[in-house]
Amino acid sequence: MTSSQEDVNFIKCVIEIVKYFDIIVDDSSHMMEQQITSIKTLIRAVRSGGLYIIEDLLTSYMPNYHDLTDETWSRL
């Protein structure tokens, strides 16, 4: 299966099939908005004691990678 990280409906369909994950590694587009969408959608599907890893958070501090001006998002 292949989809965009922004496709919340697709992610929810995958969660319905799989139910829970032991580990999720988000090595995506490195766009902060997409990382936020993913964690909001997927975090509930991480099994108790599981791991949710987001790679390349450095881009949250690079203005060309997002258009959010609220600095609180960089503390995700």
PDB file of N, CA and C in Angstrom:
ATOM      1  N   MET A   1       0.835  -1.170   0.000  1.00  0.00           N
ATOM      2  CA  MET A   1       0.000   0.000   0.000  1.00  0.00           C
ATOM      3  C   MET A   1       0.886   1.241   0.000  1.00  0.00           C
ATOM      4  N   THR A   2       0.473   2.222  -0.751  1.00  0.00           N
ATOM      5  CA  THR A   2       1.205   3.476  -0.809  1.00  0.00           C
ATOM      6  C   THR A   2       0.207   4.623  -0.756  1.00  0.00           C
ATOM      7  N   SER A   3       0.549   5.638  -0.010  1.00  0.00           N
ATOM      8  CA  SER A   3      -0.310   6.811   0.079  1.00  0.00           C
ATOM      9  C   SER A   3       0.501   7.988   0.582  1.00  0.00           C
ATOM     10  N   SER A   4      -0.144   9.128   0.626  1.00  0.00           N
ATOM     11  CA  SER A   4       0.479  10.329   1.162  1.00  0.00           C
ATOM     12  C   SER A   4       0.304  10.369   2.672  1.00  0.00           C
ATOM     13  N   GLN A   5       1.246  10.953   3.318  1.00  0.00           N
ATOM     14  CA  GLN A   5       1.188  11.128   4.762  1.00  0.00           C
ATOM     15  C   GLN A   5       0.030  12.051   5.147  1.00  0.00           C
ATOM     16  N   GLU A   6      -0.442  12.832   4.221  1.00  0.00           N
ATOM     17  CA  GLU A   6      -1.545  13.754   4.478  1.00  0.00           C
ATOM     18  C   GLU A   6      -2.912  13.098   4.315  1.00  0.00           C
ATOM     19  N   ASP A   7      -2.953  11.870   3.817  1.00  0.00           N
ATOM     20  CA  ASP A   7      -4.215  11.177   3.561  1.00  0.00           C
ATOM     21  C   ASP A   7      -4.705  10.494   4.835  1.00  0.00           C
ATOM     22  N   VAL A   8      -5.379  11.262   5.685  1.00  0.00           N
ATOM     23  CA  VAL A   8      -5.824  10.771   6.988  1.00  0.00           C
ATOM     24  C   VAL A   8      -6.788   9.598   6.830  1.00  0.00           C
ATOM     25  N   ASN A   9      -7.659   9.640   5.827  1.00  0.00           N
ATOM     26  CA  ASN A   9      -8.604   8.537   5.624  1.00  0.00           C
ATOM     27  C   ASN A   9      -7.880   7.232   5.328  1.00  0.00           C
ATOM     28  N   PHE A  10      -6.841   7.293   4.512  1.00  0.00           N
ATOM     29  CA  PHE A  10      -6.062   6.096   4.211  1.00  0.00           C
ATOM     30  C   PHE A  10      -5.390   5.559   5.474  1.00  0.00           C
ATOM     31  N   ILE A  11      -4.795   6.456   6.251  1.00  0.00           N
ATOM     32  CA  ILE A  11      -4.122   6.035   7.484  1.00  0.00           C
ATOM     33  C   ILE A  11      -5.120   5.376   8.424  1.00  0.00           C
ATOM     34  N   LYS A  12      -6.317   5.944   8.543  1.00  0.00           N
ATOM     35  CA  LYS A  12      -7.346   5.355   9.405  1.00  0.00           C
ATOM     36  C   LYS A  12      -7.770   3.978   8.906  1.00  0.00           C
ATOM     37  N   CYS A  13      -7.837   3.787   7.589  1.00  0.00           N
ATOM     38  CA  CYS A  13      -8.162   2.464   7.025  1.00  0.00           C
ATOM     39  C   CYS A  13      -7.086   1.448   7.383  1.00  0.00           C
ATOM     40  N   VAL A  14      -5.826   1.851   7.307  1.00  0.00           N
ATOM     41  CA  VAL A  14      -4.727   0.955   7.677  1.00  0.00           C
ATOM     42  C   VAL A  14      -4.829   0.591   9.154  1.00  0.00           C
ATOM     43  N   ILE A  15      -5.140   1.564   9.996  1.00  0.00           N
ATOM     44  CA  ILE A  15      -5.283   1.297  11.430  1.00  0.00           C
ATOM     45  C   ILE A  15      -6.426   0.316  11.675  1.00  0.00           C
ATOM     46  N   GLU A  16      -7.527   0.440  10.933  1.00  0.00           N
ATOM     47  CA  GLU A  16      -8.642  -0.499  11.078  1.00  0.00           C
ATOM     48  C   GLU A  16      -8.209  -1.926  10.772  1.00  0.00           C
ATOM     49  N   ILE A  17      -7.341  -2.086   9.793  1.00  0.00           N
ATOM     50  CA  ILE A  17      -6.872  -3.422   9.403  1.00  0.00           C
ATOM     51  C   ILE A  17      -5.841  -3.951  10.392  1.00  0.00           C
ATOM     52  N   VAL A  18      -4.839  -3.140  10.712  1.00  0.00           N
ATOM     53  CA  VAL A  18      -3.705  -3.587  11.527  1.00  0.00           C
ATOM     54  C   VAL A  18      -4.022  -3.522  13.019  1.00  0.00           C
ATOM     55  N   LYS A  19      -4.816  -2.574  13.424  1.00  0.00           N
ATOM     56  CA  LYS A  19      -5.202  -2.310  14.826  1.00  0.00           C
ATOM     57  C   LYS A  19      -4.099  -1.603  15.605  1.00  0.00           C
ATOM     58  N   TYR A  20      -2.984  -2.270  15.863  1.00  0.00           N
ATOM     59  CA  TYR A  20      -1.921  -1.684  16.681  1.00  0.00           C
ATOM     60  C   TYR A  20      -0.553  -1.939  16.066  1.00  0.00           C
ATOM     61  N   PHE A  21       0.361  -1.026  16.340  1.00  0.00           N
ATOM     62  CA  PHE A  21       1.741  -1.141  15.884  1.00  0.00           C
ATOM     63  C   PHE A  21       2.658  -1.200  17.098  1.00  0.00           C
ATOM     64  N   ASP A  22       3.712  -1.981  16.999  1.00  0.00           N
ATOM     65  CA  ASP A  22       4.729  -1.996  18.048  1.00  0.00           C
ATOM     66  C   ASP A  22       5.671  -0.809  17.897  1.00  0.00           C
ATOM     67  N   ILE A  23       5.912  -0.426  16.655  1.00  0.00           N
ATOM     68  CA  ILE A  23       6.812   0.697  16.382  1.00  0.00           C
ATOM     69  C   ILE A  23       6.357   1.397  15.102  1.00  0.00           C
ATOM     70  N   ILE A  24       6.409   2.707  15.130  1.00  0.00           N
ATOM     71  CA  ILE A  24       6.161   3.519  13.940  1.00  0.00           C
ATOM     72  C   ILE A  24       7.365   4.433  13.778  1.00  0.00           C
ATOM     73  N   VAL A  25       7.941   4.446  12.586  1.00  0.00           N
ATOM     74  CA  VAL A  25       9.054   5.337  12.277  1.00  0.00           C
ATOM     75  C   VAL A  25       8.576   6.294  11.192  1.00  0.00           C
ATOM     76  N   ASP A  26       8.488   7.548  11.536  1.00  0.00           N
ATOM     77  CA  ASP A  26       8.066   8.583  10.601  1.00  0.00           C
ATOM     78  C   ASP A  26       9.323   9.173   9.965  1.00  0.00           C
ATOM     79  N   ASP A  27       9.631   8.707   8.772  1.00  0.00           N
ATOM     80  CA  ASP A  27      10.746   9.243   7.995  1.00  0.00           C
ATOM     81  C   ASP A  27      10.150   9.741   6.684  1.00  0.00           C
ATOM     82  N   SER A  28       9.413  10.801   6.791  1.00  0.00           N
ATOM     83  CA  SER A  28       8.549  11.238   5.706  1.00  0.00           C
ATOM     84  C   SER A  28       9.133  12.397   4.925  1.00  0.00           C
ATOM     85  N   SER A  29       8.253  13.286   4.565  1.00  0.00           N
ATOM     86  CA  SER A  29       8.640  14.437   3.751  1.00  0.00           C
ATOM     87  C   SER A  29       9.399  15.486   4.552  1.00  0.00           C
ATOM     88  N   HIS A  30       9.416  15.334   5.863  1.00  0.00           N
ATOM     89  CA  HIS A  30      10.070  16.276   6.772  1.00  0.00           C
ATOM     90  C   HIS A  30       9.335  17.615   6.852  1.00  0.00           C
ATOM     91  N   MET A  31       8.113  17.663   6.352  1.00  0.00           N
ATOM     92  CA  MET A  31       7.291  18.866   6.462  1.00  0.00           C
ATOM     93  C   MET A  31       6.554  18.802   7.793  1.00  0.00           C
ATOM     94  N   MET A  32       6.714  19.824   8.599  1.00  0.00           N
ATOM     95  CA  MET A  32       6.178  19.813   9.950  1.00  0.00           C
ATOM     96  C   MET A  32       4.674  19.547   9.972  1.00  0.00           C
ATOM     97  N   GLU A  33       3.919  20.151   9.069  1.00  0.00           N
ATOM     98  CA  GLU A  33       2.475  19.955   9.051  1.00  0.00           C
ATOM     99  C   GLU A  33       2.132  18.482   8.850  1.00  0.00           C
ATOM    100  N   GLN A  34       2.875  17.795   7.978  1.00  0.00           N
ATOM    101  CA  GLN A  34       2.619  16.378   7.734  1.00  0.00           C
ATOM    102  C   GLN A  34       3.025  15.529   8.930  1.00  0.00           C
ATOM    103  N   GLN A  35       4.101  15.891   9.589  1.00  0.00           N
ATOM    104  CA  GLN A  35       4.516  15.166  10.789  1.00  0.00           C
ATOM    105  C   GLN A  35       3.463  15.300  11.883  1.00  0.00           C
ATOM    106  N   ILE A  36       2.896  16.483  12.022  1.00  0.00           N
ATOM    107  CA  ILE A  36       1.862  16.713  13.028  1.00  0.00           C
ATOM    108  C   ILE A  36       0.609  15.916  12.688  1.00  0.00           C
ATOM    109  N   THR A  37       0.206  15.937  11.425  1.00  0.00           N
ATOM    110  CA  THR A  37      -0.960  15.161  11.002  1.00  0.00           C
ATOM    111  C   THR A  37      -0.749  13.681  11.292  1.00  0.00           C
ATOM    112  N   SER A  38       0.425  13.178  10.986  1.00  0.00           N
ATOM    113  CA  SER A  38       0.716  11.760  11.211  1.00  0.00           C
ATOM    114  C   SER A  38       0.654  11.391  12.684  1.00  0.00           C
ATOM    115  N   ILE A  39       1.310  12.168  13.524  1.00  0.00           N
ATOM    116  CA  ILE A  39       1.329  11.791  14.938  1.00  0.00           C
ATOM    117  C   ILE A  39      -0.069  11.901  15.548  1.00  0.00           C
ATOM    118  N   LYS A  40      -0.836  12.902  15.143  1.00  0.00           N
ATOM    119  CA  LYS A  40      -2.203  13.024  15.656  1.00  0.00           C
ATOM    120  C   LYS A  40      -3.056  11.829  15.245  1.00  0.00           C
ATOM    121  N   THR A  41      -2.818  11.303  14.067  1.00  0.00           N
ATOM    122  CA  THR A  41      -3.611  10.195  13.553  1.00  0.00           C
ATOM    123  C   THR A  41      -3.105   8.846  14.048  1.00  0.00           C
ATOM    124  N   LEU A  42      -1.802   8.670  14.110  1.00  0.00           N
ATOM    125  CA  LEU A  42      -1.220   7.355  14.388  1.00  0.00           C
ATOM    126  C   LEU A  42      -0.932   7.054  15.857  1.00  0.00           C
ATOM    127  N   ILE A  43      -0.757   8.052  16.688  1.00  0.00           N
ATOM    128  CA  ILE A  43      -0.292   7.808  18.053  1.00  0.00           C
ATOM    129  C   ILE A  43      -1.235   6.879  18.816  1.00  0.00           C
ATOM    130  N   ARG A  44      -2.524   6.951  18.542  1.00  0.00           N
ATOM    131  CA  ARG A  44      -3.490   6.079  19.228  1.00  0.00           C
ATOM    132  C   ARG A  44      -3.325   4.612  18.842  1.00  0.00           C
ATOM    133  N   ALA A  45      -2.651   4.370  17.725  1.00  0.00           N
ATOM    134  CA  ALA A  45      -2.485   2.999  17.249  1.00  0.00           C
ATOM    135  C   ALA A  45      -1.174   2.365  17.704  1.00  0.00           C
ATOM    136  N   VAL A  46      -0.382   3.085  18.485  1.00  0.00           N
ATOM    137  CA  VAL A  46       0.865   2.517  19.004  1.00  0.00           C
ATOM    138  C   VAL A  46       0.524   1.705  20.248  1.00  0.00           C
ATOM    139  N   ARG A  47       0.895   0.444  20.204  1.00  0.00           N
ATOM    140  CA  ARG A  47       0.625  -0.465  21.319  1.00  0.00           C
ATOM    141  C   ARG A  47       1.270   0.067  22.601  1.00  0.00           C
ATOM    142  N   SER A  48       0.666  -0.196  23.733  1.00  0.00           N
ATOM    143  CA  SER A  48       1.230   0.200  25.021  1.00  0.00           C
ATOM    144  C   SER A  48       2.654  -0.341  25.132  1.00  0.00           C
ATOM    145  N   GLY A  49       3.595   0.527  25.432  1.00  0.00           N
ATOM    146  CA  GLY A  49       5.000   0.139  25.492  1.00  0.00           C
ATOM    147  C   GLY A  49       5.705   0.238  24.152  1.00  0.00           C
ATOM    148  N   GLY A  50       4.965   0.619  23.100  1.00  0.00           N
ATOM    149  CA  GLY A  50       5.545   0.733  21.767  1.00  0.00           C
ATOM    150  C   GLY A  50       6.287   2.045  21.586  1.00  0.00           C
ATOM    151  N   LEU A  51       6.830   2.223  20.396  1.00  0.00           N
ATOM    152  CA  LEU A  51       7.635   3.411  20.090  1.00  0.00           C
ATOM    153  C   LEU A  51       7.060   4.164  18.897  1.00  0.00           C
ATOM    154  N   TYR A  52       7.097   5.483  18.972  1.00  0.00           N
ATOM    155  CA  TYR A  52       6.770   6.348  17.848  1.00  0.00           C
ATOM    156  C   TYR A  52       7.987   7.244  17.649  1.00  0.00           C
ATOM    157  N   ILE A  53       8.662   7.067  16.541  1.00  0.00           N
ATOM    158  CA  ILE A  53       9.911   7.780  16.270  1.00  0.00           C
ATOM    159  C   ILE A  53       9.690   8.710  15.080  1.00  0.00           C
ATOM    160  N   ILE A  54      10.085   9.958  15.245  1.00  0.00           N
ATOM    161  CA  ILE A  54      10.018  10.919  14.143  1.00  0.00           C
ATOM    162  C   ILE A  54      11.445  11.321  13.801  1.00  0.00           C
ATOM    163  N   GLU A  55      11.832  11.064  12.563  1.00  0.00           N
ATOM    164  CA  GLU A  55      13.170  11.432  12.117  1.00  0.00           C
ATOM    165  C   GLU A  55      13.169  12.856  11.564  1.00  0.00           C
ATOM    166  N   ASP A  56      14.320  13.451  11.587  1.00  0.00           N
ATOM    167  CA  ASP A  56      14.558  14.746  10.944  1.00  0.00           C
ATOM    168  C   ASP A  56      13.672  15.866  11.478  1.00  0.00           C
ATOM    169  N   LEU A  57      13.578  15.976  12.791  1.00  0.00           N
ATOM    170  CA  LEU A  57      12.843  17.088  13.388  1.00  0.00           C
ATOM    171  C   LEU A  57      13.563  18.418  13.207  1.00  0.00           C
ATOM    172  N   LEU A  58      14.803  18.364  12.799  1.00  0.00           N
ATOM    173  CA  LEU A  58      15.567  19.588  12.564  1.00  0.00           C
ATOM    174  C   LEU A  58      14.833  20.525  11.608  1.00  0.00           C
ATOM    175  N   THR A  59      14.120  19.953  10.646  1.00  0.00           N
ATOM    176  CA  THR A  59      13.423  20.793   9.672  1.00  0.00           C
ATOM    177  C   THR A  59      12.336  21.645  10.318  1.00  0.00           C
ATOM    178  N   SER A  60      11.903  21.302  11.521  1.00  0.00           N
ATOM    179  CA  SER A  60      10.912  22.125  12.225  1.00  0.00           C
ATOM    180  C   SER A  60      11.456  23.506  12.536  1.00  0.00           C
ATOM    181  N   TYR A  61      12.759  23.641  12.528  1.00  0.00           N
ATOM    182  CA  TYR A  61      13.396  24.924  12.826  1.00  0.00           C
ATOM    183  C   TYR A  61      13.854  25.650  11.564  1.00  0.00           C
ATOM    184  N   MET A  62      13.548  25.088  10.407  1.00  0.00           N
ATOM    185  CA  MET A  62      13.974  25.682   9.143  1.00  0.00           C
ATOM    186  C   MET A  62      12.759  26.307   8.454  1.00  0.00           C
ATOM    187  N   PRO A  63      12.751  27.620   8.270  1.00  0.00           N
ATOM    188  CA  PRO A  63      11.567  28.308   7.751  1.00  0.00           C
ATOM    189  C   PRO A  63      11.097  27.823   6.384  1.00  0.00           C
ATOM    190  N   ASN A  64      11.966  27.311   5.563  1.00  0.00           N
ATOM    191  CA  ASN A  64      11.549  26.853   4.237  1.00  0.00           C
ATOM    192  C   ASN A  64      10.756  25.550   4.275  1.00  0.00           C
ATOM    193  N   TYR A  65      10.738  24.872   5.408  1.00  0.00           N
ATOM    194  CA  TYR A  65      10.040  23.602   5.509  1.00  0.00           C
ATOM    195  C   TYR A  65       8.636  23.723   6.082  1.00  0.00           C
ATOM    196  N   HIS A  66       8.250  24.894   6.497  1.00  0.00           N
ATOM    197  CA  HIS A  66       6.890  25.062   7.008  1.00  0.00           C
ATOM    198  C   HIS A  66       6.483  26.514   6.879  1.00  0.00           C
ATOM    199  N   ASP A  67       5.184  26.714   6.952  1.00  0.00           N
ATOM    200  CA  ASP A  67       4.710  28.088   6.879  1.00  0.00           C
ATOM    201  C   ASP A  67       3.994  28.494   8.163  1.00  0.00           C
ATOM    202  N   LEU A  68       4.204  27.751   9.221  1.00  0.00           N
ATOM    203  CA  LEU A  68       3.611  28.120  10.499  1.00  0.00           C
ATOM    204  C   LEU A  68       4.511  29.128  11.191  1.00  0.00           C
ATOM    205  N   THR A  69       3.930  30.166  11.692  1.00  0.00           N
ATOM    206  CA  THR A  69       4.728  31.183  12.367  1.00  0.00           C
ATOM    207  C   THR A  69       4.705  31.014  13.877  1.00  0.00           C
ATOM    208  N   ASP A  70       3.849  30.149  14.376  1.00  0.00           N
ATOM    209  CA  ASP A  70       3.742  29.914  15.814  1.00  0.00           C
ATOM    210  C   ASP A  70       4.887  29.009  16.259  1.00  0.00           C
ATOM    211  N   GLU A  71       5.799  29.534  17.040  1.00  0.00           N
ATOM    212  CA  GLU A  71       6.980  28.776  17.458  1.00  0.00           C
ATOM    213  C   GLU A  71       6.648  27.595  18.357  1.00  0.00           C
ATOM    214  N   THR A  72       5.444  27.553  18.917  1.00  0.00           N
ATOM    215  CA  THR A  72       5.107  26.416  19.786  1.00  0.00           C
ATOM    216  C   THR A  72       5.135  25.108  19.016  1.00  0.00           C
ATOM    217  N   TRP A  73       4.915  25.147  17.710  1.00  0.00           N
ATOM    218  CA  TRP A  73       4.949  23.916  16.917  1.00  0.00           C
ATOM    219  C   TRP A  73       6.346  23.312  16.887  1.00  0.00           C
ATOM    220  N   SER A  74       7.363  24.098  17.086  1.00  0.00           N
ATOM    221  CA  SER A  74       8.716  23.554  17.068  1.00  0.00           C
ATOM    222  C   SER A  74       9.015  22.763  18.336  1.00  0.00           C
ATOM    223  N   ARG A  75       8.108  22.791  19.284  1.00  0.00           N
ATOM    224  CA  ARG A  75       8.283  22.028  20.512  1.00  0.00           C
ATOM    225  C   ARG A  75       7.486  20.734  20.493  1.00  0.00           C
ATOM    226  N   LEU A  76       7.096  20.292  19.331  1.00  0.00           N
ATOM    227  CA  LEU A  76       6.358  19.045  19.190  1.00  0.00           C
ATOM    228  C   LEU A  76       7.154  17.935  19.803  1.00  0.00           C
TER     229      LEU A  76
END
